[in-house]
Amino acid sequence: PTDKKKKVVSINIIEVLLRGVMRNDEPAAPLAFLLAPKFLASDRARVSVYAISQCVPFLPDNGLTATIKMCLTGKRRHLLKVSSYKELVRLLISTPTEEHVKMILHEWNRAELHRDIRITIVQAAFQFLKTNNETFHNIAWQILSS
């Protein structure tokens, strides 16, 4: 009997390859692949979420919102690693629209939310108070007073 050893590719090489997939003629094309539940549940989830931030300039109007909504609902949300979940919330914070702020409030109101996500959302609430947007202020106070 012959023993065939599996060659294990290091995680660093896999991550570089996954990041490289974004450098093509259509940067948003690999999103469906990278945001598949298989990836979101793996150690490579942070690369998948990184891919979203790299694609933002190439997404159509409301593309970021739709992509993040897809990640924060159903099976995908339950598979997210905490670091990836926080990064998605940070993406919403970095492009604050009324819909994004409402999505952050929706996440805040979830029954089971990891404390690190709560901390990220509380930090966002303080940022919202620095704006001149009354809706942002109201949502920030809803978060801070609950």
C-alpha atoms as a PDB file:
ATOM      1  CA  PRO A   1       0.000   0.000   0.000  1.00  0.00           C
ATOM      2  CA  THR A   2       1.210   3.467  -0.824  1.00  0.00           C
ATOM      3  CA  ASP A   3       0.615   6.418   1.441  1.00  0.00           C
ATOM      4  CA  LYS A   4      -0.389   9.503  -0.437  1.00  0.00           C
ATOM      5  CA  LYS A   5       0.046  12.594   1.626  1.00  0.00           C
ATOM      6  CA  LYS A   6      -2.325  15.432   1.009  1.00  0.00           C
ATOM      7  CA  LYS A   7      -0.648  18.659   0.213  1.00  0.00           C
ATOM      8  CA  VAL A   8      -2.092  21.309   2.442  1.00  0.00           C
ATOM      9  CA  VAL A   9      -2.184  24.804   1.060  1.00  0.00           C
ATOM     10  CA  SER A  10      -1.536  27.390   3.726  1.00  0.00           C
ATOM     11  CA  ILE A  11      -4.371  29.686   4.729  1.00  0.00           C
ATOM     12  CA  ASN A  12      -2.252  32.695   3.724  1.00  0.00           C
ATOM     13  CA  ILE A  13      -1.999  31.471   0.140  1.00  0.00           C
ATOM     14  CA  ILE A  14      -5.725  30.720   0.018  1.00  0.00           C
ATOM     15  CA  GLU A  15      -6.529  34.222   1.273  1.00  0.00           C
ATOM     16  CA  VAL A  16      -4.249  35.847  -1.293  1.00  0.00           C
ATOM     17  CA  LEU A  17      -5.946  33.843  -4.038  1.00  0.00           C
ATOM     18  CA  LEU A  18      -9.380  34.856  -2.773  1.00  0.00           C
ATOM     19  CA  ARG A  19      -8.389  38.520  -2.697  1.00  0.00           C
ATOM     20  CA  GLY A  20      -6.910  38.180  -6.160  1.00  0.00           C
ATOM     21  CA  VAL A  21     -10.210  36.959  -7.572  1.00  0.00           C
ATOM     22  CA  MET A  22     -11.462  40.528  -7.123  1.00  0.00           C
ATOM     23  CA  ARG A  23      -8.910  41.849  -9.609  1.00  0.00           C
ATOM     24  CA  ASN A  24     -10.627  41.148 -12.865  1.00  0.00           C
ATOM     25  CA  ASP A  25     -12.700  42.938 -15.486  1.00  0.00           C
ATOM     26  CA  GLU A  26     -15.841  42.675 -13.369  1.00  0.00           C
ATOM     27  CA  PRO A  27     -14.877  43.073  -9.700  1.00  0.00           C
ATOM     28  CA  ALA A  28     -18.410  42.466  -8.405  1.00  0.00           C
ATOM     29  CA  ALA A  29     -18.768  39.150 -10.268  1.00  0.00           C
ATOM     30  CA  PRO A  30     -17.132  36.933  -7.586  1.00  0.00           C
ATOM     31  CA  LEU A  31     -19.348  38.254  -4.770  1.00  0.00           C
ATOM     32  CA  ALA A  32     -21.899  35.455  -5.073  1.00  0.00           C
ATOM     33  CA  PHE A  33     -19.083  32.925  -4.768  1.00  0.00           C
ATOM     34  CA  LEU A  34     -17.319  34.687  -1.900  1.00  0.00           C
ATOM     35  CA  LEU A  35     -20.524  35.339   0.040  1.00  0.00           C
ATOM     36  CA  ALA A  36     -21.811  31.789  -0.220  1.00  0.00           C
ATOM     37  CA  PRO A  37     -22.702  30.257   3.152  1.00  0.00           C
ATOM     38  CA  LYS A  38     -19.733  27.890   2.757  1.00  0.00           C
ATOM     39  CA  PHE A  39     -17.308  30.819   2.897  1.00  0.00           C
ATOM     40  CA  LEU A  40     -19.129  32.836   5.527  1.00  0.00           C
ATOM     41  CA  ALA A  41     -18.960  29.873   7.901  1.00  0.00           C
ATOM     42  CA  SER A  42     -15.253  29.279   7.341  1.00  0.00           C
ATOM     43  CA  ASP A  43     -12.018  30.798   8.556  1.00  0.00           C
ATOM     44  CA  ARG A  44     -11.921  32.656   5.247  1.00  0.00           C
ATOM     45  CA  ALA A  45     -15.019  34.694   6.091  1.00  0.00           C
ATOM     46  CA  ARG A  46     -13.001  37.844   6.731  1.00  0.00           C
ATOM     47  CA  VAL A  47     -11.686  37.658   3.163  1.00  0.00           C
ATOM     48  CA  SER A  48     -15.248  37.389   1.886  1.00  0.00           C
ATOM     49  CA  VAL A  49     -16.318  40.474   3.795  1.00  0.00           C
ATOM     50  CA  TYR A  50     -13.141  42.280   2.687  1.00  0.00           C
ATOM     51  CA  ALA A  51     -14.281  41.550  -0.869  1.00  0.00           C
ATOM     52  CA  ILE A  52     -17.459  43.552  -0.312  1.00  0.00           C
ATOM     53  CA  SER A  53     -15.510  46.660   0.679  1.00  0.00           C
ATOM     54  CA  GLN A  54     -13.318  46.288  -2.410  1.00  0.00           C
ATOM     55  CA  CYS A  55     -16.390  46.001  -4.651  1.00  0.00           C
ATOM     56  CA  VAL A  56     -18.300  49.008  -3.345  1.00  0.00           C
ATOM     57  CA  PRO A  57     -17.156  51.380  -6.120  1.00  0.00           C
ATOM     58  CA  PHE A  58     -18.270  48.858  -8.752  1.00  0.00           C
ATOM     59  CA  LEU A  59     -21.664  47.988  -7.291  1.00  0.00           C
ATOM     60  CA  PRO A  60     -24.819  49.504  -8.754  1.00  0.00           C
ATOM     61  CA  ASP A  61     -26.898  51.963  -6.732  1.00  0.00           C
ATOM     62  CA  ASN A  62     -28.116  50.234  -3.577  1.00  0.00           C
ATOM     63  CA  GLY A  63     -25.744  47.354  -4.345  1.00  0.00           C
ATOM     64  CA  LEU A  64     -23.956  47.648  -1.008  1.00  0.00           C
ATOM     65  CA  THR A  65     -27.251  47.772   0.857  1.00  0.00           C
ATOM     66  CA  ALA A  66     -28.609  44.720  -0.974  1.00  0.00           C
ATOM     67  CA  THR A  67     -25.371  42.791  -0.469  1.00  0.00           C
ATOM     68  CA  ILE A  68     -25.202  43.495   3.266  1.00  0.00           C
ATOM     69  CA  LYS A  69     -28.922  42.727   3.691  1.00  0.00           C
ATOM     70  CA  MET A  70     -28.312  39.390   1.999  1.00  0.00           C
ATOM     71  CA  CYS A  71     -25.489  38.637   4.448  1.00  0.00           C
ATOM     72  CA  LEU A  72     -27.482  39.697   7.512  1.00  0.00           C
ATOM     73  CA  THR A  73     -30.552  37.583   6.810  1.00  0.00           C
ATOM     74  CA  GLY A  74     -31.370  33.908   6.938  1.00  0.00           C
ATOM     75  CA  LYS A  75     -28.771  31.204   6.883  1.00  0.00           C
ATOM     76  CA  ARG A  76     -25.898  33.545   6.034  1.00  0.00           C
ATOM     77  CA  ARG A  77     -26.358  35.638   9.176  1.00  0.00           C
ATOM     78  CA  HIS A  78     -26.269  32.603  11.432  1.00  0.00           C
ATOM     79  CA  LEU A  79     -23.074  31.389   9.789  1.00  0.00           C
ATOM     80  CA  LEU A  80     -21.190  34.688  10.107  1.00  0.00           C
ATOM     81  CA  LYS A  81     -18.127  34.776  12.282  1.00  0.00           C
ATOM     82  CA  VAL A  82     -18.167  37.636  14.797  1.00  0.00           C
ATOM     83  CA  SER A  83     -15.289  39.472  13.086  1.00  0.00           C
ATOM     84  CA  SER A  84     -17.108  39.340   9.735  1.00  0.00           C
ATOM     85  CA  TYR A  85     -20.383  40.423  11.318  1.00  0.00           C
ATOM     86  CA  LYS A  86     -18.626  43.421  12.892  1.00  0.00           C
ATOM     87  CA  GLU A  87     -17.056  44.306   9.546  1.00  0.00           C
ATOM     88  CA  LEU A  88     -20.468  44.296   7.871  1.00  0.00           C
ATOM     89  CA  VAL A  89     -21.795  46.639  10.554  1.00  0.00           C
ATOM     90  CA  ARG A  90     -18.731  48.846  10.066  1.00  0.00           C
ATOM     91  CA  LEU A  91     -19.430  48.963   6.325  1.00  0.00           C
ATOM     92  CA  LEU A  92     -22.920  50.231   7.104  1.00  0.00           C
ATOM     93  CA  ILE A  93     -21.429  52.810   9.470  1.00  0.00           C
ATOM     94  CA  SER A  94     -18.837  53.943   6.926  1.00  0.00           C
ATOM     95  CA  THR A  95     -21.563  54.773   4.386  1.00  0.00           C
ATOM     96  CA  PRO A  96     -24.330  56.114   6.631  1.00  0.00           C
ATOM     97  CA  THR A  97     -27.592  56.434   4.770  1.00  0.00           C
ATOM     98  CA  GLU A  98     -30.954  56.420   6.512  1.00  0.00           C
ATOM     99  CA  GLU A  99     -31.486  52.839   5.343  1.00  0.00           C
ATOM    100  CA  HIS A 100     -28.074  51.759   6.676  1.00  0.00           C
ATOM    101  CA  VAL A 101     -28.710  53.348  10.045  1.00  0.00           C
ATOM    102  CA  LYS A 102     -32.096  51.611  10.212  1.00  0.00           C
ATOM    103  CA  MET A 103     -30.372  48.318   9.374  1.00  0.00           C
ATOM    104  CA  ILE A 104     -27.973  48.927  12.263  1.00  0.00           C
ATOM    105  CA  LEU A 105     -30.931  49.552  14.585  1.00  0.00           C
ATOM    106  CA  HIS A 106     -32.539  46.343  13.319  1.00  0.00           C
ATOM    107  CA  GLU A 107     -29.376  44.410  14.214  1.00  0.00           C
ATOM    108  CA  TRP A 108     -29.304  46.093  17.634  1.00  0.00           C
ATOM    109  CA  ASN A 109     -32.868  44.933  18.322  1.00  0.00           C
ATOM    110  CA  ARG A 110     -32.119  41.265  17.623  1.00  0.00           C
ATOM    111  CA  ALA A 111     -32.768  38.995  20.598  1.00  0.00           C
ATOM    112  CA  GLU A 112     -29.369  37.323  20.478  1.00  0.00           C
ATOM    113  CA  LEU A 113     -26.512  39.591  19.527  1.00  0.00           C
ATOM    114  CA  HIS A 114     -22.861  39.015  20.401  1.00  0.00           C
ATOM    115  CA  ARG A 115     -21.460  41.598  22.813  1.00  0.00           C
ATOM    116  CA  ASP A 116     -18.729  42.620  20.334  1.00  0.00           C
ATOM    117  CA  ILE A 117     -21.423  43.501  17.794  1.00  0.00           C
ATOM    118  CA  ARG A 118     -23.254  45.476  20.492  1.00  0.00           C
ATOM    119  CA  ILE A 119     -20.062  47.398  21.265  1.00  0.00           C
ATOM    120  CA  THR A 120     -19.562  48.205  17.578  1.00  0.00           C
ATOM    121  CA  ILE A 121     -23.154  49.445  17.321  1.00  0.00           C
ATOM    122  CA  VAL A 122     -22.834  51.597  20.462  1.00  0.00           C
ATOM    123  CA  GLN A 123     -19.696  53.168  18.978  1.00  0.00           C
ATOM    124  CA  ALA A 124     -21.691  53.856  15.820  1.00  0.00           C
ATOM    125  CA  ALA A 125     -24.459  55.498  17.832  1.00  0.00           C
ATOM    126  CA  PHE A 126     -21.960  58.000  19.227  1.00  0.00           C
ATOM    127  CA  GLN A 127     -20.805  58.748  15.666  1.00  0.00           C
ATOM    128  CA  PHE A 128     -24.412  59.292  14.582  1.00  0.00           C
ATOM    129  CA  LEU A 129     -24.849  61.901  17.303  1.00  0.00           C
ATOM    130  CA  LYS A 130     -22.051  63.935  15.693  1.00  0.00           C
ATOM    131  CA  THR A 131     -24.033  64.334  12.473  1.00  0.00           C
ATOM    132  CA  ASN A 132     -26.641  66.925  11.601  1.00  0.00           C
ATOM    133  CA  ASN A 133     -29.199  64.289  10.656  1.00  0.00           C
ATOM    134  CA  GLU A 134     -32.227  64.120  12.960  1.00  0.00           C
ATOM    135  CA  THR A 135     -33.071  60.530  11.939  1.00  0.00           C
ATOM    136  CA  PHE A 136     -29.538  59.450  12.853  1.00  0.00           C
ATOM    137  CA  HIS A 137     -29.891  61.208  16.219  1.00  0.00           C
ATOM    138  CA  ASN A 138     -33.215  59.502  16.956  1.00  0.00           C
ATOM    139  CA  ILE A 139     -31.821  56.070  16.126  1.00  0.00           C
ATOM    140  CA  ALA A 140     -28.664  56.751  18.131  1.00  0.00           C
ATOM    141  CA  TRP A 141     -30.766  57.620  21.174  1.00  0.00           C
ATOM    142  CA  GLN A 142     -32.905  54.508  20.676  1.00  0.00           C
ATOM    143  CA  ILE A 143     -29.721  52.449  20.785  1.00  0.00           C
ATOM    144  CA  LEU A 144     -28.144  54.275  23.727  1.00  0.00           C
ATOM    145  CA  SER A 145     -31.289  54.307  25.844  1.00  0.00           C
ATOM    146  CA  SER A 146     -32.101  50.617  25.507  1.00  0.00           C
END
